[in-house]
Amino acid sequence: MANQAQQLTLPTPRTYTRTDFAALRAFIQHIAPSVIAHRYYDPDDREASPQAATADAMERFLRTMLDDLVQLALRNGSAALASHLKASIKQHGSAKLTAVTLRMVEQASALAAASPAADHHVGLWLRPLVTKRLMAERMTTLGELIAYCNSHGGSWWRSVPRIGAHRASVLVAWLRRHEQALGMRVADDVDAGPLAPAVGLGNVVVVGGSIDAPLLAPFERLAIPTALSGEHGTNRAREFAFIRADHDLAAVHAYLNRYRDRPPTLRAYTRELERLVLWLVIVRGVALSSMTVGDCEAYKDFLKAPIVSFVGPKRSRASGRWRPFTPEGLSPESQAYAVRAIRAAFAWLTTVRYLAGNPWSAVTDPATITREVEVQVERALSTDLWTRVRAELDARCMDARSNGEDLGGLTPSEEEARQWRIARAAILLMGARACGATKRPTRVVKT
């Protein structure tokens, strides 16, 4: 009977990550498996790194990986490499590799290289120290890492302890190279470098771009183009100024410095002036020291409905995704507060003769809504109970007065009597208001 041709089905080769290849290179260089486990894996995380649980498990994993790579290299590598590997196996029982031959084996066994996926644990691809720092910020998978980067922007690494700018750029570059395999895209501005400063202090970001894609930054990282800095503002006072400020940003900082000992007030005023300055530069194209009444009225309208590029969820002030307004918007009361805060700041800048005049003094506050809620008469005391309360209050006042007279008018008794009289007057006043209240609908009053 003739032999029939048979099809040999080979098992799908096991795949290995970049960390596994780095660990194997260390193993070839005779580094102890226990050291490799701690250097490249997290032995405490049995779920993510079961192969690093013990030194024996680490060695078995690496030897198995080496055998897999050699078998792939025998099938896919050059004839010279295959001959070398067969000779080594025949002589030693297993392939003895050097750093050079291992590199050749890795190239020939490309089938064993796994592609990263969004649901892969970060520990499969990143070093243990980096993995721990990312996991401490709840970035467990590569997909969560990309989502975190996209939500925080170019300064995402500032929110992760001990992840510097260089390491962050390496991570982002690696994620970009594998975007197709990951099925997720890293946002364009995640690895955007800082722009050259114009006018400002410290680690600055120039305000610029377009209305649809502005470059926004809080005061501590803010710089303004010279043309809009206010150095030659049309409302600048021509007399000697009481503050040293060559441009609007310096003048605003001088004003805010007055509240350095009152943190809540400082935060509130900083927020309002930041919003105004960013709107002036990005949207209006006007310097703060060149504002007119028309600009002030336009900003009042802007507070009612900020443009989309100025709105975003709450982020760290160090994040590139920081935005001056939250999606909830401003209530009429908050809009009125913003106008009053800005008017006060301009009044001070006028007083110290940085500005020639205050355009906000001619601007009214935004209309607010005062709601008058009806009195809940049904919860008031009945007539009988109210009569008993009044009688009890009268009796308490009389008793306190009598005790004071019997004891010779001592001060403690006089004080007690006075307190009871005050309490009776307050309760009677509230009772009279409740009894005189009538049912009426809620009124809405604009002020």
Protein backbone atom coordinates (compact mmCIF):
# COMPACT_ATOMS: atom_id res chain seq x y z
CA MET A 1 0.00 0.00 0.00
CA ALA A 2 1.47 3.29 -1.03
CA ASN A 3 2.35 5.77 1.65
CA GLN A 4 -0.05 8.67 1.76
CA ALA A 5 1.19 12.21 2.20
CA GLN A 6 0.27 13.66 5.57
CA GLN A 7 -0.02 17.36 6.52
CA LEU A 8 1.84 18.22 9.72
CA THR A 9 0.06 20.93 11.70
CA LEU A 10 2.44 22.85 13.94
CA PRO A 11 1.13 24.44 17.14
CA THR A 12 0.83 28.20 17.25
CA PRO A 13 4.12 29.52 18.59
CA ARG A 14 4.10 31.08 22.04
CA THR A 15 4.45 34.87 21.96
CA TYR A 16 6.76 36.92 24.12
CA THR A 17 6.85 40.58 25.06
CA ARG A 18 9.66 43.09 24.93
CA THR A 19 10.25 42.56 28.64
CA ASP A 20 10.65 38.82 28.08
CA PHE A 21 13.30 39.41 25.41
CA ALA A 22 15.18 41.79 27.72
CA ALA A 23 15.06 39.19 30.49
CA LEU A 24 16.36 36.49 28.13
CA ARG A 25 19.32 38.67 27.14
CA ALA A 26 20.18 39.04 30.81
CA PHE A 27 19.87 35.28 31.27
CA ILE A 28 22.29 34.66 28.38
CA GLN A 29 24.74 36.97 30.15
CA HIS A 30 24.60 34.66 33.20
CA ILE A 31 22.60 36.97 35.45
CA ALA A 32 20.84 35.02 38.21
CA PRO A 33 17.13 34.27 37.57
CA SER A 34 16.20 35.77 40.96
CA VAL A 35 17.83 39.06 39.97
CA ILE A 36 16.10 38.98 36.58
CA ALA A 37 12.73 38.42 38.26
CA HIS A 38 13.12 41.54 40.39
CA ARG A 39 14.69 43.68 37.68
CA TYR A 40 12.28 42.99 34.82
CA TYR A 41 9.13 41.72 36.53
CA ASP A 42 7.10 42.23 39.68
CA PRO A 43 7.35 39.00 41.73
CA ASP A 44 4.57 40.20 44.04
CA ASP A 45 2.06 40.43 41.20
CA ARG A 46 1.31 36.76 40.56
CA GLU A 47 -1.45 37.58 38.09
CA ALA A 48 0.65 39.76 35.79
CA SER A 49 4.01 37.97 36.23
CA PRO A 50 3.47 34.35 37.30
CA GLN A 51 6.82 33.35 35.73
CA ALA A 52 8.65 35.56 38.25
CA ALA A 53 7.10 34.07 41.38
CA THR A 54 10.27 32.11 42.23
CA ALA A 55 13.79 31.82 40.88
CA ASP A 56 13.08 28.28 39.63
CA ALA A 57 9.92 29.42 37.82
CA MET A 58 11.89 32.26 36.24
CA GLU A 59 14.62 29.92 35.01
CA ARG A 60 12.13 27.41 33.60
CA PHE A 61 10.31 30.19 31.76
CA LEU A 62 13.51 31.56 30.22
CA ARG A 63 14.77 28.12 29.16
CA THR A 64 11.42 27.35 27.56
CA MET A 65 11.51 30.69 25.78
CA LEU A 66 15.03 29.99 24.56
CA ASP A 67 14.00 26.59 23.21
CA ASP A 68 10.99 28.16 21.44
CA LEU A 69 13.18 30.78 19.79
CA VAL A 70 15.75 28.22 18.71
CA GLN A 71 13.10 26.03 17.11
CA LEU A 72 11.69 29.02 15.23
CA ALA A 73 15.20 30.02 14.15
CA LEU A 74 15.86 26.50 12.84
CA ARG A 75 12.76 26.74 10.65
CA ASN A 76 13.04 30.38 9.58
CA GLY A 77 16.73 31.26 9.87
CA SER A 78 19.60 30.97 7.46
CA ALA A 79 21.37 27.68 6.72
CA ALA A 80 24.50 28.90 8.53
CA LEU A 81 22.54 29.76 11.69
CA ALA A 82 20.65 26.46 11.60
CA SER A 83 23.93 24.53 11.21
CA HIS A 84 25.45 26.40 14.15
CA LEU A 85 22.44 25.76 16.38
CA LYS A 86 22.31 22.04 15.51
CA ALA A 87 25.98 21.64 16.28
CA SER A 88 25.55 23.41 19.64
CA ILE A 89 22.58 21.26 20.56
CA LYS A 90 24.44 18.08 19.60
CA GLN A 91 27.47 19.04 21.68
CA HIS A 92 25.79 20.52 24.77
CA GLY A 93 22.30 19.04 24.72
CA SER A 94 20.82 22.51 24.25
CA ALA A 95 21.81 25.61 22.29
CA LYS A 96 24.53 27.66 23.96
CA LEU A 97 24.15 31.22 22.76
CA THR A 98 26.17 34.38 23.06
CA ALA A 99 24.85 37.92 22.83
CA VAL A 100 25.62 37.93 19.09
CA THR A 101 24.00 34.59 18.30
CA LEU A 102 21.01 35.47 20.46
CA ARG A 103 20.46 38.58 18.35
CA MET A 104 20.53 36.42 15.23
CA VAL A 105 18.05 34.02 16.81
CA GLU A 106 15.73 36.87 17.75
CA GLN A 107 15.73 38.17 14.20
CA ALA A 108 15.06 34.71 12.78
CA SER A 109 12.30 34.00 15.30
CA ALA A 110 10.25 37.11 14.68
CA LEU A 111 7.11 34.98 14.87
CA ALA A 112 7.54 34.80 18.63
CA ALA A 113 7.29 38.54 19.14
CA ALA A 114 3.90 39.47 20.54
CA SER A 115 2.09 42.62 19.49
CA PRO A 116 0.85 44.83 22.34
CA ALA A 117 -2.90 45.04 22.87
CA ALA A 118 -4.99 47.61 24.68
CA ASP A 119 -6.01 45.08 27.34
CA HIS A 120 -2.44 43.96 28.06
CA HIS A 121 -1.17 44.63 31.56
CA VAL A 122 1.42 47.41 31.56
CA GLY A 123 3.80 45.06 33.37
CA LEU A 124 4.03 42.89 30.25
CA TRP A 125 5.74 45.67 28.34
CA LEU A 126 7.22 48.10 30.86
CA ARG A 127 9.82 47.78 33.60
CA PRO A 128 8.62 47.06 37.16
CA LEU A 129 9.41 50.51 38.59
CA VAL A 130 7.55 52.25 35.79
CA THR A 131 4.71 49.75 36.10
CA LYS A 132 4.31 50.43 39.83
CA ARG A 133 4.21 54.18 39.30
CA LEU A 134 1.60 53.88 36.59
CA MET A 135 -0.51 51.44 38.56
CA ALA A 136 -0.42 53.78 41.55
CA GLU A 137 -2.36 56.22 39.35
CA ARG A 138 -4.81 53.45 38.30
CA MET A 139 -3.26 52.78 34.91
CA THR A 140 -3.30 48.99 34.82
CA THR A 141 -3.52 48.29 31.08
CA LEU A 142 -2.00 49.90 28.02
CA GLY A 143 -5.45 51.13 27.03
CA GLU A 144 -5.84 52.90 30.37
CA LEU A 145 -2.40 54.46 29.91
CA ILE A 146 -3.38 55.89 26.51
CA ALA A 147 -6.71 57.14 27.88
CA TYR A 148 -4.88 58.87 30.74
CA CYS A 149 -2.42 60.53 28.36
CA ASN A 150 -5.22 61.71 26.08
CA SER A 151 -7.26 63.13 28.95
CA HIS A 152 -4.34 65.00 30.56
CA GLY A 153 -2.52 66.21 27.43
CA GLY A 154 1.16 66.95 26.95
CA SER A 155 1.89 67.34 30.67
CA TRP A 156 0.28 64.05 31.70
CA TRP A 157 3.49 62.84 33.29
CA ARG A 158 3.45 65.68 35.84
CA SER A 159 0.63 63.90 37.67
CA VAL A 160 2.62 60.65 37.94
CA PRO A 161 5.37 60.69 40.59
CA ARG A 162 8.89 60.08 39.27
CA ILE A 163 7.90 59.88 35.61
CA GLY A 164 9.96 62.64 34.04
CA ALA A 165 9.64 64.33 30.68
CA HIS A 166 12.24 62.10 28.99
CA ARG A 167 10.73 58.82 30.18
CA ALA A 168 7.27 60.09 29.27
CA SER A 169 8.41 60.93 25.73
CA VAL A 170 9.88 57.43 25.33
CA LEU A 171 6.61 55.84 26.49
CA VAL A 172 4.51 57.99 24.17
CA ALA A 173 6.81 57.27 21.21
CA TRP A 174 6.49 53.53 21.87
CA LEU A 175 2.69 53.80 22.10
CA ARG A 176 2.62 55.69 18.80
CA ARG A 177 4.65 52.98 17.05
CA HIS A 178 2.07 50.38 18.09
CA GLU A 179 -1.12 52.38 17.56
CA GLN A 180 -2.34 49.95 14.88
CA ALA A 181 -1.89 46.91 17.09
CA LEU A 182 -3.34 48.66 20.13
CA GLY A 183 -6.36 49.91 18.21
CA MET A 184 -6.11 53.23 20.04
CA ARG A 185 -4.65 56.55 18.95
CA VAL A 186 -2.52 58.84 21.08
CA ALA A 187 -3.72 62.45 20.81
CA ASP A 188 -1.56 64.82 18.77
CA ASP A 189 -0.81 67.17 21.66
CA VAL A 190 0.26 64.49 24.13
CA ASP A 191 3.94 64.75 23.25
CA ALA A 192 3.88 68.37 22.06
CA GLY A 193 6.94 70.22 23.28
CA PRO A 194 6.79 73.61 25.05
CA LEU A 195 6.69 76.70 22.90
CA ALA A 196 9.14 79.55 23.14
CA PRO A 197 8.10 82.14 25.75
CA ALA A 198 7.26 85.72 24.99
CA VAL A 199 6.34 87.74 28.09
CA GLY A 200 5.94 85.94 31.41
CA LEU A 201 7.59 84.19 34.30
CA GLY A 202 8.87 80.69 34.99
CA ASN A 203 7.91 77.64 32.96
CA VAL A 204 5.69 79.43 30.47
CA VAL A 205 3.38 78.53 27.65
CA VAL A 206 2.63 81.14 25.02
CA VAL A 207 -1.02 81.91 24.60
CA GLY A 208 -1.77 81.60 20.93
CA GLY A 209 -3.26 79.27 18.35
CA SER A 210 -6.76 79.80 17.04
CA ILE A 211 -10.14 80.13 18.70
CA ASP A 212 -10.91 76.52 17.79
CA ALA A 213 -7.55 75.20 19.02
CA PRO A 214 -6.10 77.68 21.52
CA LEU A 215 -2.99 77.13 23.61
CA LEU A 216 -4.27 77.78 27.12
CA ALA A 217 -2.32 77.90 30.36
CA PRO A 218 -2.92 79.13 33.92
CA PHE A 219 -1.12 82.19 35.27
CA GLU A 220 1.87 80.32 36.68
CA ARG A 221 2.77 79.02 33.18
CA LEU A 222 1.37 81.86 31.13
CA ALA A 223 3.08 84.14 28.63
CA ILE A 224 1.48 86.60 26.24
CA PRO A 225 2.70 87.77 22.82
CA THR A 226 4.28 91.20 23.01
CA ALA A 227 1.63 92.78 20.77
CA LEU A 228 -1.06 91.91 23.35
CA SER A 229 1.02 92.25 26.50
CA GLY A 230 -0.25 95.74 27.30
CA GLU A 231 3.19 97.28 27.18
CA HIS A 232 1.69 100.05 25.04
CA GLY A 233 -1.96 99.75 26.13
CA THR A 234 -4.22 102.61 25.13
CA ASN A 235 -5.56 102.87 28.69
CA ARG A 236 -2.16 103.01 30.36
CA ALA A 237 -1.76 105.97 32.73
CA ARG A 238 0.75 108.57 31.64
CA GLU A 239 1.61 109.56 35.22
CA PHE A 240 4.04 107.91 37.60
CA ALA A 241 2.63 104.49 38.59
CA PHE A 242 2.80 103.24 42.16
CA ILE A 243 3.69 99.67 41.07
CA ARG A 244 6.54 98.30 39.00
CA ALA A 245 4.75 96.68 36.07
CA ASP A 246 5.92 96.87 32.48
CA HIS A 247 2.98 94.85 31.13
CA ASP A 248 -0.51 93.72 32.07
CA LEU A 249 0.46 90.32 33.45
CA ALA A 250 2.88 91.90 35.91
CA ALA A 251 0.21 94.39 36.98
CA VAL A 252 -2.32 91.59 37.56
CA HIS A 253 0.23 89.66 39.65
CA ALA A 254 0.84 92.82 41.70
CA TYR A 255 -2.89 93.03 42.39
CA LEU A 256 -3.19 89.36 43.34
CA ASN A 257 -0.20 89.66 45.66
CA ARG A 258 -2.43 91.70 47.99
CA TYR A 259 -4.30 88.48 48.83
CA ARG A 260 -1.29 86.22 49.41
CA ASP A 261 -2.37 85.71 53.05
CA ARG A 262 -5.97 84.85 52.08
CA PRO A 263 -5.76 81.68 49.94
CA PRO A 264 -9.51 81.27 49.22
CA THR A 265 -9.81 84.87 48.00
CA LEU A 266 -6.58 84.56 46.03
CA ARG A 267 -7.83 81.43 44.23
CA ALA A 268 -11.18 83.04 43.38
CA TYR A 269 -9.67 86.28 42.02
CA THR A 270 -6.97 84.39 40.12
CA ARG A 271 -9.64 82.27 38.42
CA GLU A 272 -11.64 85.29 37.29
CA LEU A 273 -8.66 87.27 36.00
CA GLU A 274 -7.22 84.21 34.22
CA ARG A 275 -10.46 83.75 32.34
CA LEU A 276 -10.56 87.41 31.35
CA VAL A 277 -6.94 87.53 30.14
CA LEU A 278 -7.27 84.32 28.10
CA TRP A 279 -10.48 85.56 26.50
CA LEU A 280 -8.90 88.90 25.66
CA VAL A 281 -5.88 87.34 23.95
CA ILE A 282 -7.49 84.33 22.24
CA VAL A 283 -10.95 85.56 21.35
CA ARG A 284 -10.93 89.36 21.43
CA GLY A 285 -7.34 90.08 20.41
CA VAL A 286 -7.11 93.02 22.83
CA ALA A 287 -4.69 93.81 25.64
CA LEU A 288 -6.14 94.10 29.15
CA SER A 289 -4.92 97.71 29.38
CA SER A 290 -6.73 98.53 26.12
CA MET A 291 -10.21 97.33 27.13
CA THR A 292 -13.20 99.53 26.42
CA VAL A 293 -16.77 99.39 27.66
CA GLY A 294 -17.67 97.45 24.52
CA ASP A 295 -15.09 94.79 25.37
CA CYS A 296 -16.49 94.56 28.89
CA GLU A 297 -20.04 94.03 27.61
CA ALA A 298 -18.77 91.38 25.16
CA TYR A 299 -17.08 89.53 28.00
CA LYS A 300 -20.33 89.57 29.99
CA ASP A 301 -21.99 87.81 27.06
CA PHE A 302 -19.09 85.35 26.85
CA LEU A 303 -19.58 84.37 30.51
CA LYS A 304 -23.11 83.24 29.70
CA ALA A 305 -21.89 80.73 27.07
CA PRO A 306 -18.09 80.19 26.85
CA ILE A 307 -16.87 78.74 23.55
CA VAL A 308 -16.21 75.00 23.42
CA SER A 309 -12.42 75.30 23.32
CA PHE A 310 -12.47 77.08 26.71
CA VAL A 311 -14.53 74.36 28.41
CA GLY A 312 -13.35 71.04 29.79
CA PRO A 313 -13.53 68.73 32.80
CA LYS A 314 -11.59 69.64 35.89
CA ARG A 315 -7.88 68.90 35.45
CA SER A 316 -4.65 69.65 37.23
CA ARG A 317 -3.31 73.13 36.52
CA ALA A 318 -0.13 71.45 35.28
CA SER A 319 -2.07 69.46 32.67
CA GLY A 320 -2.12 70.46 29.04
CA ARG A 321 -5.87 69.73 29.11
CA TRP A 322 -6.58 72.36 31.78
CA ARG A 323 -9.43 74.65 30.77
CA PRO A 324 -10.69 77.84 32.47
CA PHE A 325 -14.38 76.82 32.44
CA THR A 326 -16.09 73.59 33.48
CA PRO A 327 -18.91 71.98 31.43
CA GLU A 328 -21.50 72.98 34.06
CA GLY A 329 -21.18 76.65 33.04
CA LEU A 330 -21.65 79.67 35.28
CA SER A 331 -24.83 80.52 37.13
CA PRO A 332 -26.14 84.11 36.95
CA GLU A 333 -24.80 84.64 40.48
CA SER A 334 -21.33 83.41 39.43
CA GLN A 335 -21.40 85.71 36.39
CA ALA A 336 -22.23 88.67 38.61
CA TYR A 337 -19.43 87.71 41.00
CA ALA A 338 -16.96 87.57 38.11
CA VAL A 339 -17.89 91.08 36.97
CA ARG A 340 -17.61 92.46 40.51
CA ALA A 341 -14.21 90.82 41.02
CA ILE A 342 -12.89 92.19 37.73
CA ARG A 343 -14.31 95.67 38.44
CA ALA A 344 -12.52 95.69 41.81
CA ALA A 345 -9.24 94.68 40.17
CA PHE A 346 -9.53 97.43 37.55
CA ALA A 347 -10.41 99.94 40.26
CA TRP A 348 -7.21 99.09 42.12
CA LEU A 349 -5.12 99.27 38.93
CA THR A 350 -6.60 102.71 38.34
CA THR A 351 -5.89 103.78 41.92
CA VAL A 352 -2.23 102.82 41.65
CA ARG A 353 -2.11 104.70 38.32
CA TYR A 354 -1.30 101.72 36.13
CA LEU A 355 -4.54 102.38 34.20
CA ALA A 356 -5.90 105.77 33.29
CA GLY A 357 -9.49 104.75 33.97
CA ASN A 358 -11.78 101.86 34.83
CA PRO A 359 -14.06 100.86 31.92
CA TRP A 360 -15.89 98.39 34.18
CA SER A 361 -17.28 101.26 36.26
CA ALA A 362 -19.70 101.95 33.39
CA VAL A 363 -20.82 98.29 33.19
CA THR A 364 -23.75 96.90 35.19
CA ASP A 365 -23.72 93.49 36.83
CA PRO A 366 -25.41 90.61 34.98
CA ALA A 367 -29.04 90.08 35.96
CA THR A 368 -29.49 87.55 38.74
CA ILE A 369 -32.60 85.70 39.83
CA THR A 370 -33.93 85.88 43.41
CA ARG A 371 -36.53 83.27 44.24
CA GLU A 372 -39.01 83.94 47.04
CA VAL A 373 -40.25 80.66 48.48
CA GLU A 374 -43.70 80.47 50.03
CA VAL A 375 -44.01 80.01 53.78
CA GLN A 376 -45.08 76.51 54.79
CA VAL A 377 -48.06 77.57 56.89
CA GLU A 378 -49.24 73.99 57.35
CA ARG A 379 -46.19 73.33 59.54
CA ALA A 380 -46.97 76.23 61.96
CA LEU A 381 -48.34 75.68 65.49
CA SER A 382 -52.08 75.51 66.01
CA THR A 383 -53.83 78.33 67.90
CA ASP A 384 -54.10 76.30 71.14
CA LEU A 385 -50.44 75.32 71.11
CA TRP A 386 -49.38 78.86 70.26
CA THR A 387 -51.36 80.18 73.26
CA ARG A 388 -49.65 77.68 75.55
CA VAL A 389 -46.20 78.65 74.21
CA ARG A 390 -46.85 82.33 74.88
CA ALA A 391 -48.09 81.61 78.40
CA GLU A 392 -45.00 79.49 79.14
CA LEU A 393 -42.67 82.22 77.85
CA ASP A 394 -44.42 84.84 80.01
CA ALA A 395 -44.09 82.60 83.05
CA ARG A 396 -40.38 81.99 82.47
CA CYS A 397 -39.72 85.71 82.19
CA MET A 398 -41.66 86.42 85.39
CA ASP A 399 -39.89 83.63 87.31
CA ALA A 400 -36.47 84.87 86.28
CA ARG A 401 -37.39 88.44 87.31
CA SER A 402 -38.78 87.29 90.67
CA ASN A 403 -35.67 85.26 91.46
CA GLY A 404 -33.54 88.30 90.74
CA GLU A 405 -35.60 90.44 93.18
CA ASP A 406 -35.57 87.79 95.94
CA LEU A 407 -31.80 87.43 95.71
CA GLY A 408 -31.17 91.13 95.86
CA GLY A 409 -30.94 91.71 92.10
CA LEU A 410 -27.77 89.70 91.48
CA THR A 411 -26.28 90.01 88.04
CA PRO A 412 -26.69 86.31 87.00
CA SER A 413 -30.44 86.47 87.57
CA GLU A 414 -30.73 89.73 85.68
CA GLU A 415 -28.84 88.20 82.76
CA GLU A 416 -31.15 85.15 82.77
CA ALA A 417 -34.22 87.38 82.77
CA ARG A 418 -32.81 89.41 79.89
CA GLN A 419 -32.14 86.26 77.86
CA TRP A 420 -35.69 85.01 78.39
CA ARG A 421 -37.10 88.38 77.29
CA ILE A 422 -34.99 88.27 74.12
CA ALA A 423 -36.09 84.70 73.42
CA ARG A 424 -39.75 85.62 73.95
CA ALA A 425 -39.50 88.59 71.60
CA ALA A 426 -37.84 86.52 68.86
CA ILE A 427 -40.35 83.67 69.13
CA LEU A 428 -43.31 86.02 69.19
CA LEU A 429 -41.97 87.78 66.11
CA MET A 430 -41.62 84.50 64.22
CA GLY A 431 -45.05 83.38 65.35
CA ALA A 432 -46.69 86.59 64.22
CA ARG A 433 -45.06 86.28 60.80
CA ALA A 434 -46.21 82.67 60.43
CA CYS A 435 -49.75 83.45 61.53
CA GLY A 436 -49.95 86.42 59.20
CA ALA A 437 -48.54 84.55 56.19
CA THR A 438 -50.90 83.69 53.36
CA LYS A 439 -50.56 81.20 50.55
CA ARG A 440 -49.05 82.74 47.46
CA PRO A 441 -47.13 81.38 44.45
CA THR A 442 -43.35 81.61 44.19
CA ARG A 443 -42.22 84.93 42.74
CA VAL A 444 -39.13 85.29 40.55
CA VAL A 445 -37.46 88.67 40.83
CA LYS A 446 -34.64 89.80 38.54
CA THR A 447 -32.12 92.17 40.09
